[in-house]
Structure formats: C-alpha cells, structure tokens
Amino acid sequence: MKMKSIWMSWIMLLVSALAFADDTPPDALVKANASEVLAIIKKDKDIQAGNKEKIRDLVEAKVLPHFDFARMTRLAVGRFWRQATPAQQQTLVDEFRSLLVRTYSASLTAYKDQKIEYKPLKMAPGDTEVVVKTVVLQPGGQPIPIDYGMEKTPGGWKVYDITVDGVSLVVNYRSSFAQEIQQGGIEQLIHTLHQKNATIGLEAKKH
C-alpha cells in the first residue's frame, strides 16, 4: 500500500500543467494542480472503481507531457547507454515509458485522503534544474518525502527523476538494468522490459 500511495501521489501532483505558462515556477505548477486533480479523483467513480481505460486515458493526456522519458531512460541505463544503437535507444525509451505508465496507472485508485505538504523551493535566477520537495501525509501512517528532479526545457518544466524516501527512481532501476545488460547485452534488457509490459498488460485485462 505504501508504494501505491507514493505513485498515486506522483500522478496526482503532476497533471494539467499545460494550462500554465512555460515560465511558471515548477513548484507553482505542482501546487496549483494538486487540488484540481484531487477533486477529479474524489468525484470520478469510474477511476475509484478501477476503470483501466479511463485511468490510462488520464495518464496519457495529463501526465506524460510533463515527463522527460528520454532523459529518465538515459539516466537509468547509465554508462551502457552509449553501447546502444539509436534504434535500441528509442526502443528502450518506449519500453521504459510503457513500464512506468502501466505501473503507475494501476496505482491511481489508491487515493485515500492523503494530503500534500510543500517545502519552500530553492531556486536561483537562471536555474534550469531544481528539486521540488513534497511530503505525502497519510492518515494513520508515516509521512513520505517525495522529491521531484525537474528541468526547464523548451516545452516547460519536466520531471526527469523522482526520489521517494531517499531512494531515486532512476538509480533504483539502474541497478537492475545493469544486471540485465551485463548478462545479455542491450537486447536482453529490451526483451525483459517488453516481457514485463506484456505481463502487466495481461494482468490488467483480467481485472
């Protein structure tokens, strides 16, 4: 339940930012949209009931535009990235994106009145990378710090890493990715990601 709450909060905090100007501070994007998305989740009975299609549509439309999956994948693959051909790199990005989307879509229904506390943003003029710090307050549970590594791109601020309770998402994946590549090269990692996505997809259809 802890991880479901974490990733539900990730989705909840980072949607609908396209309505804001590109120069809007990253923490303002997070704060301004959290209340709106919470209201949607509370009112949408289909999402609460686990409607997979509606959840995926929400994630595709509202979440994906605000993440730099290319950079996330590059960071997760680490030093092996240069070993991959351009075609392999694109496939890795596509598979990693699918894995994250499928995983986090499944956790969207885990909202149970969690609240978000926002920490003051440390940002100097001209900064193009910042960390937006938040804390998820869970009724009857320990607070969970969640930090968002964000970069300013021509398309606005985008997330390239998430650190949950001190553990970086990309660093966490880097370890398992490295094992796959060392055992069978880039193609084995691609195959493993594809198989995971296929398995998650089949499980989703059963529910």
N, C-alpha and C. Protein backbone atom coordinates (compact mmCIF):
# COMPACT_ATOMS: atom_id res chain seq x y z
N MET A 1 0.82 -1.20 0.00
CA MET A 1 0.00 0.00 0.00
C MET A 1 0.86 1.26 0.00
N LYS A 2 2.01 1.20 0.63
CA LYS A 2 2.88 2.37 0.68
C LYS A 2 3.27 2.81 -0.72
N MET A 3 3.72 1.87 -1.56
CA MET A 3 4.16 2.23 -2.91
C MET A 3 2.98 2.71 -3.75
N LYS A 4 1.81 2.11 -3.56
CA LYS A 4 0.65 2.58 -4.30
C LYS A 4 0.33 4.02 -3.95
N SER A 5 0.42 4.36 -2.67
CA SER A 5 0.16 5.73 -2.25
C SER A 5 1.18 6.68 -2.83
N ILE A 6 2.43 6.24 -2.87
CA ILE A 6 3.51 7.07 -3.40
C ILE A 6 3.26 7.40 -4.86
N TRP A 7 3.00 6.37 -5.66
CA TRP A 7 2.90 6.61 -7.09
C TRP A 7 1.57 7.24 -7.47
N MET A 8 0.55 7.04 -6.68
CA MET A 8 -0.69 7.76 -6.90
C MET A 8 -0.45 9.25 -6.68
N SER A 9 0.32 9.58 -5.66
CA SER A 9 0.63 10.97 -5.38
C SER A 9 1.45 11.58 -6.50
N TRP A 10 2.35 10.79 -7.06
CA TRP A 10 3.16 11.24 -8.20
C TRP A 10 2.27 11.66 -9.34
N ILE A 11 1.30 10.85 -9.66
CA ILE A 11 0.37 11.16 -10.75
C ILE A 11 -0.47 12.38 -10.39
N MET A 12 -0.96 12.40 -9.19
CA MET A 12 -1.87 13.45 -8.73
C MET A 12 -1.22 14.82 -8.80
N LEU A 13 0.05 14.89 -8.48
CA LEU A 13 0.72 16.17 -8.35
C LEU A 13 1.12 16.80 -9.66
N LEU A 14 1.26 16.01 -10.71
CA LEU A 14 1.95 16.50 -11.89
C LEU A 14 1.11 16.53 -13.16
N VAL A 15 -0.20 16.66 -13.00
CA VAL A 15 -1.05 16.69 -14.18
C VAL A 15 -1.48 18.11 -14.51
N SER A 16 -1.96 18.29 -15.75
CA SER A 16 -2.64 19.51 -16.19
C SER A 16 -1.78 20.76 -16.24
N ALA A 17 -0.45 20.65 -16.26
CA ALA A 17 0.39 21.84 -16.24
C ALA A 17 0.41 22.58 -17.56
N LEU A 18 -0.13 22.00 -18.63
CA LEU A 18 -0.11 22.67 -19.93
C LEU A 18 -0.90 23.97 -19.92
N ALA A 19 -1.76 24.14 -18.94
CA ALA A 19 -2.57 25.35 -18.89
C ALA A 19 -1.76 26.55 -18.40
N PHE A 20 -0.54 26.32 -17.95
CA PHE A 20 0.27 27.38 -17.39
C PHE A 20 1.37 27.80 -18.36
N ALA A 21 1.88 29.00 -18.17
CA ALA A 21 2.96 29.50 -19.00
C ALA A 21 4.22 28.72 -18.71
N ASP A 22 5.10 28.67 -19.73
CA ASP A 22 6.34 27.92 -19.59
C ASP A 22 7.23 28.46 -18.49
N ASP A 23 7.08 29.76 -18.16
CA ASP A 23 7.95 30.35 -17.15
C ASP A 23 7.37 30.26 -15.75
N THR A 24 6.25 29.56 -15.59
CA THR A 24 5.69 29.35 -14.26
C THR A 24 6.65 28.51 -13.43
N PRO A 25 6.97 28.92 -12.21
CA PRO A 25 7.89 28.15 -11.37
C PRO A 25 7.40 26.72 -11.21
N PRO A 26 8.33 25.76 -11.15
CA PRO A 26 7.93 24.35 -11.08
C PRO A 26 7.10 24.00 -9.86
N ASP A 27 7.42 24.61 -8.72
CA ASP A 27 6.63 24.30 -7.53
C ASP A 27 5.22 24.84 -7.64
N ALA A 28 5.06 25.96 -8.35
CA ALA A 28 3.73 26.52 -8.55
C ALA A 28 2.88 25.61 -9.43
N LEU A 29 3.52 24.98 -10.43
CA LEU A 29 2.80 24.04 -11.28
C LEU A 29 2.27 22.87 -10.45
N VAL A 30 3.12 22.38 -9.57
CA VAL A 30 2.73 21.25 -8.72
C VAL A 30 1.59 21.64 -7.79
N LYS A 31 1.74 22.77 -7.12
CA LYS A 31 0.75 23.17 -6.12
C LYS A 31 -0.59 23.53 -6.75
N ALA A 32 -0.54 24.22 -7.89
CA ALA A 32 -1.77 24.69 -8.50
C ALA A 32 -2.65 23.55 -9.01
N ASN A 33 -2.01 22.46 -9.39
CA ASN A 33 -2.77 21.36 -10.00
C ASN A 33 -3.19 20.29 -9.02
N ALA A 34 -2.56 20.24 -7.87
CA ALA A 34 -2.86 19.17 -6.92
C ALA A 34 -4.32 19.19 -6.49
N SER A 35 -4.82 20.38 -6.13
CA SER A 35 -6.21 20.45 -5.65
C SER A 35 -7.20 20.08 -6.74
N GLU A 36 -6.89 20.48 -7.98
CA GLU A 36 -7.79 20.15 -9.09
C GLU A 36 -7.88 18.65 -9.32
N VAL A 37 -6.71 18.01 -9.31
CA VAL A 37 -6.69 16.57 -9.57
C VAL A 37 -7.31 15.79 -8.43
N LEU A 38 -7.06 16.24 -7.20
CA LEU A 38 -7.69 15.59 -6.05
C LEU A 38 -9.21 15.63 -6.19
N ALA A 39 -9.73 16.76 -6.65
CA ALA A 39 -11.17 16.88 -6.81
C ALA A 39 -11.69 15.92 -7.88
N ILE A 40 -10.91 15.77 -8.96
CA ILE A 40 -11.30 14.84 -10.03
C ILE A 40 -11.36 13.41 -9.50
N ILE A 41 -10.33 13.02 -8.76
CA ILE A 41 -10.28 11.66 -8.24
C ILE A 41 -11.44 11.40 -7.28
N LYS A 42 -11.73 12.39 -6.44
CA LYS A 42 -12.80 12.22 -5.46
C LYS A 42 -14.17 12.07 -6.12
N LYS A 43 -14.35 12.77 -7.25
CA LYS A 43 -15.65 12.79 -7.91
C LYS A 43 -15.84 11.69 -8.94
N ASP A 44 -14.73 11.19 -9.49
CA ASP A 44 -14.82 10.23 -10.58
C ASP A 44 -14.97 8.81 -10.05
N LYS A 45 -16.16 8.33 -10.07
CA LYS A 45 -16.45 6.99 -9.55
C LYS A 45 -15.82 5.90 -10.41
N ASP A 46 -15.68 6.15 -11.71
CA ASP A 46 -15.07 5.16 -12.59
C ASP A 46 -13.60 4.94 -12.22
N ILE A 47 -12.88 6.03 -11.99
CA ILE A 47 -11.48 5.91 -11.59
C ILE A 47 -11.37 5.22 -10.24
N GLN A 48 -12.20 5.60 -9.31
CA GLN A 48 -12.18 4.99 -7.99
C GLN A 48 -12.48 3.49 -8.07
N ALA A 49 -13.31 3.12 -9.04
CA ALA A 49 -13.68 1.70 -9.21
C ALA A 49 -12.63 0.93 -9.99
N GLY A 50 -11.61 1.64 -10.50
CA GLY A 50 -10.53 0.95 -11.20
C GLY A 50 -10.74 0.80 -12.69
N ASN A 51 -11.47 1.71 -13.32
CA ASN A 51 -11.68 1.67 -14.76
C ASN A 51 -10.35 1.87 -15.47
N LYS A 52 -9.78 0.78 -16.02
CA LYS A 52 -8.43 0.81 -16.58
C LYS A 52 -8.32 1.75 -17.78
N GLU A 53 -9.32 1.72 -18.64
CA GLU A 53 -9.26 2.56 -19.84
C GLU A 53 -9.29 4.04 -19.47
N LYS A 54 -10.15 4.40 -18.54
CA LYS A 54 -10.25 5.79 -18.14
C LYS A 54 -8.99 6.26 -17.42
N ILE A 55 -8.42 5.38 -16.63
CA ILE A 55 -7.17 5.71 -15.93
C ILE A 55 -6.04 5.92 -16.92
N ARG A 56 -5.93 5.01 -17.90
CA ARG A 56 -4.86 5.15 -18.90
C ARG A 56 -5.03 6.42 -19.72
N ASP A 57 -6.29 6.75 -20.06
CA ASP A 57 -6.54 7.97 -20.81
C ASP A 57 -6.11 9.20 -20.01
N LEU A 58 -6.38 9.17 -18.72
CA LEU A 58 -5.98 10.28 -17.85
C LEU A 58 -4.48 10.43 -17.81
N VAL A 59 -3.79 9.31 -17.64
CA VAL A 59 -2.33 9.34 -17.57
C VAL A 59 -1.73 9.80 -18.89
N GLU A 60 -2.24 9.27 -19.99
CA GLU A 60 -1.71 9.63 -21.30
C GLU A 60 -1.90 11.12 -21.58
N ALA A 61 -3.07 11.64 -21.24
CA ALA A 61 -3.39 13.02 -21.57
C ALA A 61 -2.77 14.03 -20.63
N LYS A 62 -2.68 13.69 -19.34
CA LYS A 62 -2.31 14.68 -18.34
C LYS A 62 -0.91 14.51 -17.76
N VAL A 63 -0.41 13.29 -17.70
CA VAL A 63 0.86 13.05 -17.01
C VAL A 63 2.04 13.03 -17.96
N LEU A 64 1.93 12.25 -19.03
CA LEU A 64 3.08 12.03 -19.90
C LEU A 64 3.72 13.30 -20.46
N PRO A 65 2.94 14.33 -20.80
CA PRO A 65 3.58 15.52 -21.36
C PRO A 65 4.56 16.21 -20.42
N HIS A 66 4.53 15.86 -19.14
CA HIS A 66 5.34 16.57 -18.16
C HIS A 66 6.53 15.76 -17.67
N PHE A 67 6.83 14.67 -18.37
CA PHE A 67 7.98 13.85 -18.01
C PHE A 67 8.94 13.72 -19.18
N ASP A 68 10.20 13.81 -18.89
CA ASP A 68 11.24 13.63 -19.90
C ASP A 68 11.68 12.17 -19.86
N PHE A 69 10.95 11.31 -20.56
CA PHE A 69 11.24 9.89 -20.51
C PHE A 69 12.56 9.55 -21.17
N ALA A 70 12.97 10.34 -22.16
CA ALA A 70 14.26 10.08 -22.80
C ALA A 70 15.40 10.24 -21.80
N ARG A 71 15.35 11.34 -21.03
CA ARG A 71 16.40 11.55 -20.04
C ARG A 71 16.30 10.53 -18.91
N MET A 72 15.10 10.22 -18.48
CA MET A 72 14.93 9.22 -17.41
C MET A 72 15.53 7.88 -17.83
N THR A 73 15.26 7.49 -19.08
CA THR A 73 15.78 6.21 -19.56
C THR A 73 17.29 6.26 -19.66
N ARG A 74 17.81 7.36 -20.18
CA ARG A 74 19.26 7.50 -20.31
C ARG A 74 19.96 7.42 -18.95
N LEU A 75 19.37 8.05 -17.95
CA LEU A 75 19.94 8.01 -16.61
C LEU A 75 19.84 6.61 -16.00
N ALA A 76 18.72 5.93 -16.26
CA ALA A 76 18.52 4.60 -15.71
C ALA A 76 19.46 3.58 -16.34
N VAL A 77 19.69 3.70 -17.63
CA VAL A 77 20.61 2.78 -18.32
C VAL A 77 22.07 3.10 -17.96
N GLY A 78 22.33 4.37 -17.66
CA GLY A 78 23.66 4.75 -17.19
C GLY A 78 24.75 4.63 -18.24
N ARG A 79 25.90 4.11 -17.83
CA ARG A 79 27.07 4.07 -18.70
C ARG A 79 26.89 3.16 -19.91
N PHE A 80 25.88 2.31 -19.89
CA PHE A 80 25.64 1.40 -21.02
C PHE A 80 24.88 2.08 -22.16
N TRP A 81 24.39 3.28 -21.91
CA TRP A 81 23.57 3.97 -22.91
C TRP A 81 24.30 4.11 -24.24
N ARG A 82 25.59 4.42 -24.17
CA ARG A 82 26.36 4.65 -25.40
C ARG A 82 26.59 3.36 -26.18
N GLN A 83 26.38 2.22 -25.54
CA GLN A 83 26.54 0.95 -26.25
C GLN A 83 25.35 0.65 -27.15
N ALA A 84 24.24 1.30 -26.88
CA ALA A 84 23.02 1.03 -27.64
C ALA A 84 23.02 1.83 -28.94
N THR A 85 22.51 1.23 -29.99
CA THR A 85 22.34 1.94 -31.26
C THR A 85 21.19 2.94 -31.10
N PRO A 86 21.08 3.91 -32.00
CA PRO A 86 19.95 4.84 -31.94
C PRO A 86 18.60 4.13 -31.91
N ALA A 87 18.47 3.07 -32.69
CA ALA A 87 17.21 2.32 -32.72
C ALA A 87 16.96 1.65 -31.37
N GLN A 88 18.00 1.07 -30.78
CA GLN A 88 17.87 0.43 -29.47
C GLN A 88 17.54 1.46 -28.39
N GLN A 89 18.15 2.63 -28.48
CA GLN A 89 17.87 3.69 -27.51
C GLN A 89 16.41 4.09 -27.55
N GLN A 90 15.86 4.25 -28.75
CA GLN A 90 14.46 4.62 -28.87
C GLN A 90 13.54 3.53 -28.33
N THR A 91 13.91 2.27 -28.60
CA THR A 91 13.11 1.15 -28.09
C THR A 91 13.15 1.11 -26.57
N LEU A 92 14.31 1.37 -26.00
CA LEU A 92 14.44 1.41 -24.54
C LEU A 92 13.55 2.49 -23.94
N VAL A 93 13.56 3.67 -24.56
CA VAL A 93 12.71 4.76 -24.08
C VAL A 93 11.24 4.36 -24.14
N ASP A 94 10.83 3.76 -25.24
CA ASP A 94 9.43 3.36 -25.41
C ASP A 94 9.02 2.30 -24.39
N GLU A 95 9.88 1.32 -24.17
CA GLU A 95 9.55 0.24 -23.24
C GLU A 95 9.56 0.73 -21.79
N PHE A 96 10.54 1.56 -21.46
CA PHE A 96 10.62 2.09 -20.09
C PHE A 96 9.41 2.99 -19.81
N ARG A 97 9.05 3.79 -20.78
CA ARG A 97 7.87 4.65 -20.66
C ARG A 97 6.62 3.80 -20.42
N SER A 98 6.48 2.74 -21.20
CA SER A 98 5.31 1.86 -21.04
C SER A 98 5.29 1.21 -19.67
N LEU A 99 6.46 0.79 -19.20
CA LEU A 99 6.54 0.15 -17.88
C LEU A 99 6.09 1.10 -16.78
N LEU A 100 6.60 2.33 -16.81
CA LEU A 100 6.24 3.30 -15.79
C LEU A 100 4.76 3.66 -15.86
N VAL A 101 4.27 3.87 -17.07
CA VAL A 101 2.87 4.25 -17.24
C VAL A 101 1.94 3.14 -16.75
N ARG A 102 2.22 1.91 -17.14
CA ARG A 102 1.37 0.80 -16.72
C ARG A 102 1.42 0.61 -15.21
N THR A 103 2.61 0.72 -14.65
CA THR A 103 2.76 0.54 -13.20
C THR A 103 2.01 1.61 -12.42
N TYR A 104 2.17 2.86 -12.83
CA TYR A 104 1.57 3.95 -12.08
C TYR A 104 0.09 4.12 -12.35
N SER A 105 -0.35 3.71 -13.53
CA SER A 105 -1.78 3.74 -13.82
C SER A 105 -2.52 2.81 -12.86
N ALA A 106 -1.88 1.68 -12.56
CA ALA A 106 -2.50 0.70 -11.67
C ALA A 106 -2.64 1.22 -10.25
N SER A 107 -1.86 2.25 -9.90
CA SER A 107 -1.90 2.75 -8.52
C SER A 107 -2.75 4.00 -8.36
N LEU A 108 -3.35 4.47 -9.45
CA LEU A 108 -4.11 5.72 -9.39
C LEU A 108 -5.31 5.62 -8.47
N THR A 109 -5.88 4.44 -8.32
CA THR A 109 -7.07 4.27 -7.49
C THR A 109 -6.74 4.17 -6.00
N ALA A 110 -5.47 4.33 -5.63
CA ALA A 110 -5.07 4.15 -4.23
C ALA A 110 -5.29 5.39 -3.37
N TYR A 111 -5.84 6.44 -3.94
CA TYR A 111 -6.03 7.67 -3.17
C TYR A 111 -6.99 7.43 -2.01
N LYS A 112 -6.52 7.76 -0.81
CA LYS A 112 -7.32 7.59 0.40
C LYS A 112 -7.17 8.81 1.30
N ASP A 113 -7.45 9.98 0.75
CA ASP A 113 -7.40 11.23 1.52
C ASP A 113 -6.01 11.62 2.00
N GLN A 114 -4.97 11.23 1.27
CA GLN A 114 -3.64 11.72 1.58
C GLN A 114 -3.58 13.22 1.32
N LYS A 115 -2.74 13.91 2.07
CA LYS A 115 -2.55 15.34 1.87
C LYS A 115 -1.08 15.60 1.54
N ILE A 116 -0.85 16.71 0.87
CA ILE A 116 0.49 17.03 0.41
C ILE A 116 1.01 18.29 1.10
N GLU A 117 2.20 18.20 1.62
CA GLU A 117 2.88 19.36 2.20
C GLU A 117 4.00 19.78 1.25
N TYR A 118 4.08 21.05 0.96
CA TYR A 118 5.06 21.56 0.00
C TYR A 118 6.18 22.31 0.74
N LYS A 119 7.40 21.97 0.41
CA LYS A 119 8.55 22.64 1.01
C LYS A 119 8.94 23.86 0.16
N PRO A 120 9.53 24.87 0.78
CA PRO A 120 9.96 26.05 0.01
C PRO A 120 10.94 25.65 -1.09
N LEU A 121 10.75 26.21 -2.26
CA LEU A 121 11.61 25.89 -3.39
C LEU A 121 12.90 26.68 -3.32
N LYS A 122 14.02 25.98 -3.45
CA LYS A 122 15.33 26.64 -3.52
C LYS A 122 15.70 26.77 -4.99
N MET A 123 15.57 27.99 -5.49
CA MET A 123 15.79 28.22 -6.92
C MET A 123 16.38 29.60 -7.14
N ALA A 124 17.52 29.65 -7.79
CA ALA A 124 18.17 30.92 -8.10
C ALA A 124 17.78 31.36 -9.51
N PRO A 125 17.83 32.66 -9.78
CA PRO A 125 17.53 33.14 -11.14
C PRO A 125 18.43 32.45 -12.17
N GLY A 126 17.83 31.98 -13.22
CA GLY A 126 18.60 31.33 -14.27
C GLY A 126 18.76 29.83 -14.10
N ASP A 127 18.33 29.28 -12.96
CA ASP A 127 18.43 27.83 -12.75
C ASP A 127 17.56 27.10 -13.78
N THR A 128 18.11 26.04 -14.35
CA THR A 128 17.35 25.23 -15.30
C THR A 128 17.07 23.83 -14.75
N GLU A 129 17.59 23.54 -13.57
CA GLU A 129 17.29 22.28 -12.88
C GLU A 129 17.03 22.58 -11.41
N VAL A 130 15.97 22.01 -10.89
CA VAL A 130 15.61 22.23 -9.49
C VAL A 130 15.06 20.93 -8.91
N VAL A 131 14.90 20.94 -7.60
CA VAL A 131 14.24 19.82 -6.92
C VAL A 131 13.04 20.38 -6.16
N VAL A 132 11.86 19.89 -6.52
CA VAL A 132 10.64 20.27 -5.84
C VAL A 132 10.40 19.25 -4.73
N LYS A 133 10.40 19.72 -3.50
CA LYS A 133 10.28 18.82 -2.35
C LYS A 133 8.86 18.83 -1.79
N THR A 134 8.31 17.64 -1.60
CA THR A 134 6.99 17.50 -1.01
C THR A 134 7.02 16.39 0.02
N VAL A 135 5.97 16.36 0.83
CA VAL A 135 5.79 15.28 1.80
C VAL A 135 4.34 14.82 1.71
N VAL A 136 4.15 13.52 1.52
CA VAL A 136 2.81 12.94 1.50
C VAL A 136 2.42 12.57 2.92
N LEU A 137 1.33 13.16 3.39
CA LEU A 137 0.84 12.91 4.75
C LEU A 137 -0.29 11.89 4.67
N GLN A 138 -0.05 10.72 5.25
CA GLN A 138 -1.01 9.63 5.17
C GLN A 138 -1.76 9.47 6.49
N PRO A 139 -3.07 9.42 6.45
CA PRO A 139 -3.84 9.20 7.67
C PRO A 139 -3.41 7.90 8.36
N GLY A 140 -2.93 8.01 9.59
CA GLY A 140 -2.52 6.83 10.33
C GLY A 140 -1.20 6.23 9.90
N GLY A 141 -0.48 6.91 9.01
CA GLY A 141 0.80 6.38 8.52
C GLY A 141 1.92 7.39 8.62
N GLN A 142 3.13 6.93 8.37
CA GLN A 142 4.27 7.81 8.41
C GLN A 142 4.29 8.73 7.18
N PRO A 143 4.69 9.98 7.37
CA PRO A 143 4.82 10.87 6.21
C PRO A 143 5.91 10.38 5.27
N ILE A 144 5.71 10.56 3.98
CA ILE A 144 6.64 10.07 2.97
C ILE A 144 7.18 11.24 2.16
N PRO A 145 8.48 11.54 2.27
CA PRO A 145 9.05 12.62 1.45
C PRO A 145 9.21 12.17 0.00
N ILE A 146 8.77 13.01 -0.91
CA ILE A 146 8.91 12.74 -2.34
C ILE A 146 9.49 13.99 -3.01
N ASP A 147 10.65 13.82 -3.62
CA ASP A 147 11.33 14.93 -4.30
C ASP A 147 11.27 14.72 -5.81
N TYR A 148 11.02 15.79 -6.55
CA TYR A 148 10.92 15.72 -8.00
C TYR A 148 12.08 16.49 -8.63
N GLY A 149 12.98 15.78 -9.30
CA GLY A 149 14.02 16.43 -10.07
C GLY A 149 13.42 16.95 -11.35
N MET A 150 13.50 18.27 -11.58
CA MET A 150 12.85 18.87 -12.73
C MET A 150 13.84 19.73 -13.51
N GLU A 151 13.64 19.75 -14.83
CA GLU A 151 14.49 20.56 -15.70
C GLU A 151 13.63 21.45 -16.56
N LYS A 152 14.16 22.64 -16.87
CA LYS A 152 13.44 23.55 -17.74
C LYS A 152 13.81 23.25 -19.18
N THR A 153 12.82 22.94 -19.99
CA THR A 153 13.02 22.61 -21.40
C THR A 153 12.26 23.62 -22.25
N PRO A 154 12.46 23.60 -23.57
CA PRO A 154 11.68 24.50 -24.43
C PRO A 154 10.17 24.30 -24.27
N GLY A 155 9.76 23.12 -23.81
CA GLY A 155 8.34 22.84 -23.60
C GLY A 155 7.87 23.07 -22.18
N GLY A 156 8.71 23.69 -21.37
CA GLY A 156 8.35 23.93 -19.97
C GLY A 156 9.11 23.01 -19.03
N TRP A 157 8.76 23.07 -17.75
CA TRP A 157 9.43 22.24 -16.75
C TRP A 157 8.97 20.79 -16.85
N LYS A 158 9.93 19.87 -16.84
CA LYS A 158 9.62 18.44 -16.93
C LYS A 158 10.38 17.66 -15.86
N VAL A 159 9.78 16.58 -15.44
CA VAL A 159 10.37 15.71 -14.42
C VAL A 159 11.31 14.71 -15.07
N TYR A 160 12.50 14.55 -14.50
CA TYR A 160 13.43 13.55 -15.01
C TYR A 160 13.84 12.54 -13.94
N ASP A 161 13.43 12.76 -12.70
CA ASP A 161 13.69 11.77 -11.64
C ASP A 161 12.76 12.03 -10.48
N ILE A 162 12.47 10.97 -9.74
CA ILE A 162 11.66 11.06 -8.53
C ILE A 162 12.41 10.34 -7.43
N THR A 163 12.54 11.00 -6.28
CA THR A 163 13.21 10.38 -5.14
C THR A 163 12.19 10.19 -4.03
N VAL A 164 11.94 8.95 -3.67
CA VAL A 164 10.93 8.60 -2.68
C VAL A 164 11.62 8.12 -1.41
N ASP A 165 11.43 8.87 -0.34
CA ASP A 165 12.03 8.49 0.95
C ASP A 165 13.53 8.23 0.81
N GLY A 166 14.18 9.07 0.01
CA GLY A 166 15.63 8.97 -0.16
C GLY A 166 16.10 8.04 -1.26
N VAL A 167 15.18 7.37 -1.94
CA VAL A 167 15.56 6.42 -2.99
C VAL A 167 15.18 6.98 -4.35
N SER A 168 16.17 7.16 -5.22
CA SER A 168 15.95 7.70 -6.55
C SER A 168 15.37 6.63 -7.47
N LEU A 169 14.35 7.01 -8.23
CA LEU A 169 13.73 6.09 -9.18
C LEU A 169 14.74 5.61 -10.22
N VAL A 170 15.46 6.54 -10.84
CA VAL A 170 16.38 6.15 -11.91
C VAL A 170 17.56 5.35 -11.37
N VAL A 171 18.04 5.70 -10.19
CA VAL A 171 19.15 4.94 -9.60
C VAL A 171 18.69 3.54 -9.24
N ASN A 172 17.47 3.42 -8.75
CA ASN A 172 16.93 2.12 -8.39
C ASN A 172 16.83 1.21 -9.61
N TYR A 173 16.35 1.75 -10.73
CA TYR A 173 16.27 0.97 -11.96
C TYR A 173 17.65 0.69 -12.55
N ARG A 174 18.59 1.61 -12.34
CA ARG A 174 19.92 1.46 -12.93
C ARG A 174 20.58 0.15 -12.50
N SER A 175 20.39 -0.23 -11.27
CA SER A 175 21.00 -1.46 -10.76
C SER A 175 20.47 -2.69 -11.50
N SER A 176 19.15 -2.78 -11.63
CA SER A 176 18.57 -3.95 -12.30
C SER A 176 18.85 -3.93 -13.79
N PHE A 177 18.85 -2.75 -14.38
CA PHE A 177 19.16 -2.63 -15.81
C PHE A 177 20.59 -3.09 -16.08
N ALA A 178 21.52 -2.68 -15.20
CA ALA A 178 22.92 -3.06 -15.39
C ALA A 178 23.10 -4.57 -15.34
N GLN A 179 22.37 -5.23 -14.45
CA GLN A 179 22.46 -6.69 -14.35
C GLN A 179 22.00 -7.35 -15.65
N GLU A 180 20.90 -6.85 -16.19
CA GLU A 180 20.38 -7.41 -17.44
C GLU A 180 21.39 -7.23 -18.57
N ILE A 181 21.95 -6.04 -18.68
CA ILE A 181 22.88 -5.75 -19.77
C ILE A 181 24.16 -6.56 -19.63
N GLN A 182 24.65 -6.70 -18.43
CA GLN A 182 25.87 -7.48 -18.20
C GLN A 182 25.68 -8.95 -18.52
N GLN A 183 24.45 -9.44 -18.35
CA GLN A 183 24.16 -10.84 -18.63
C GLN A 183 23.95 -11.12 -20.12
N GLY A 184 23.28 -10.18 -20.81
CA GLY A 184 22.95 -10.48 -22.21
C GLY A 184 22.94 -9.30 -23.14
N GLY A 185 23.52 -8.17 -22.71
CA GLY A 185 23.59 -7.01 -23.58
C GLY A 185 22.32 -6.19 -23.61
N ILE A 186 22.32 -5.17 -24.44
CA ILE A 186 21.18 -4.25 -24.56
C ILE A 186 19.91 -4.99 -24.97
N GLU A 187 20.06 -5.96 -25.88
CA GLU A 187 18.87 -6.68 -26.36
C GLU A 187 18.18 -7.45 -25.24
N GLN A 188 18.94 -7.96 -24.28
CA GLN A 188 18.30 -8.67 -23.17
C GLN A 188 17.48 -7.71 -22.32
N LEU A 189 18.01 -6.51 -22.08
CA LEU A 189 17.24 -5.53 -21.32
C LEU A 189 15.96 -5.17 -22.05
N ILE A 190 16.05 -4.97 -23.35
CA ILE A 190 14.86 -4.66 -24.14
C ILE A 190 13.85 -5.80 -24.03
N HIS A 191 14.32 -7.02 -24.15
CA HIS A 191 13.44 -8.19 -24.08
C HIS A 191 12.77 -8.27 -22.69
N THR A 192 13.54 -8.03 -21.64
CA THR A 192 13.00 -8.11 -20.29
C THR A 192 11.93 -7.05 -20.06
N LEU A 193 12.18 -5.82 -20.51
CA LEU A 193 11.20 -4.76 -20.37
C LEU A 193 9.93 -5.08 -21.17
N HIS A 194 10.11 -5.60 -22.37
CA HIS A 194 8.96 -5.97 -23.21
C HIS A 194 8.12 -7.04 -22.52
N GLN A 195 8.78 -8.03 -21.94
CA GLN A 195 8.07 -9.10 -21.26
C GLN A 195 7.31 -8.59 -20.04
N LYS A 196 7.93 -7.69 -19.30
CA LYS A 196 7.25 -7.11 -18.13
C LYS A 196 6.01 -6.34 -18.55
N ASN A 197 6.14 -5.56 -19.61
CA ASN A 197 4.99 -4.80 -20.10
C ASN A 197 3.88 -5.72 -20.57
N ALA A 198 4.25 -6.81 -21.24
CA ALA A 198 3.25 -7.77 -21.71
C ALA A 198 2.54 -8.42 -20.53
N THR A 199 3.30 -8.75 -19.50
CA THR A 199 2.72 -9.40 -18.32
C THR A 199 1.78 -8.46 -17.59
N ILE A 200 2.20 -7.21 -17.41
CA ILE A 200 1.35 -6.23 -16.75
C ILE A 200 0.08 -6.00 -17.55
N GLY A 201 0.22 -5.98 -18.88
CA GLY A 201 -0.93 -5.80 -19.74
C GLY A 201 -1.95 -6.93 -19.61
N LEU A 202 -1.45 -8.16 -19.53
CA LEU A 202 -2.34 -9.31 -19.37
C LEU A 202 -3.04 -9.28 -18.03
N GLU A 203 -2.31 -8.90 -16.99
CA GLU A 203 -2.90 -8.82 -15.65
C GLU A 203 -3.99 -7.76 -15.60
N ALA A 204 -3.75 -6.64 -16.31
CA ALA A 204 -4.74 -5.58 -16.32
C ALA A 204 -6.05 -6.02 -16.99
N LYS A 205 -5.93 -6.84 -18.03
CA LYS A 205 -7.11 -7.31 -18.74
C LYS A 205 -7.94 -8.26 -17.90
N LYS A 206 -7.31 -8.92 -16.94
CA LYS A 206 -8.03 -9.89 -16.11
C LYS A 206 -8.91 -9.20 -15.06
N HIS A 207 -8.58 -7.94 -14.76
CA HIS A 207 -9.29 -7.25 -13.70
C HIS A 207 -10.34 -6.28 -14.25
